[in-house]
Every structure is written in structure tokens, then in C-alpha cells.
């Protein structure tokens, strides 16, 4: 597994970082704007943002005297590709599981009918 992907998944395993990530999905925010909506201090939000930034999920830019944080499109795309791949595999496995009993039932009837003859 890619290092950034693993770091991103680990980072989102924390409930506060997941909440920050979800808030940033609505658009760029400053640290104080994020902190105002969470039960944690501004310094704690800054630390969580650093983890998200190190994991490649958040980027920041200067906006006058403040710094705005937003989701990093490349990091989000990496997560999405991972979950798309997992979803495709899961659906293929489900399809195989659903079709397998049907094949076995048909096979069982054929064996049963040949025994009668």
C-alpha cells in the first residue's frame, strides 16, 4: 500500500481529524473557524491539521493575515481510487458468491437426474 494512502487512512482514523476533514469538504477554512465548530482548542486543531497535511490530505495557503486550509485534491483522489478499487473487488466477490450456489444447484440436479436413469 502506498505510504501516503496509509498515512491518510491512519490520519482519518481519529474522530477529530475526520471531523476537520469533513468540514473542509465544504470549502477552505481558517483554524479559528474550524475550532469554533469543534470541542477542541485552536492549538489542538492546528496539530490535527498538521497531521492531515503531512498525510497529503490537506493543503494550506496564506490569505492576508490568516492561513486557509483546504482539502488536497490529490490526496482525496488517492483515497477515492483506493475505495473504488476495494468496492469493485467486493462487488466481484459478491457476484461470484451469488452465482456459485446457482451453478452448484444446477450441477446437483443433473447428477441427481443421471442417478435415476
Foldseek 3Di string as FASTA:
>chain_A
DDPLLVLQVVLCVDPLLVLVLVVLVVHKDFLVVSCVVDPDDSVVSVVSVVSCVVSQQKDWDDDVPTIIIHGRVVSVVVNVVVVVVVVVVVVVVVVCVVVVVVVVVVVVVVVVVVVVD
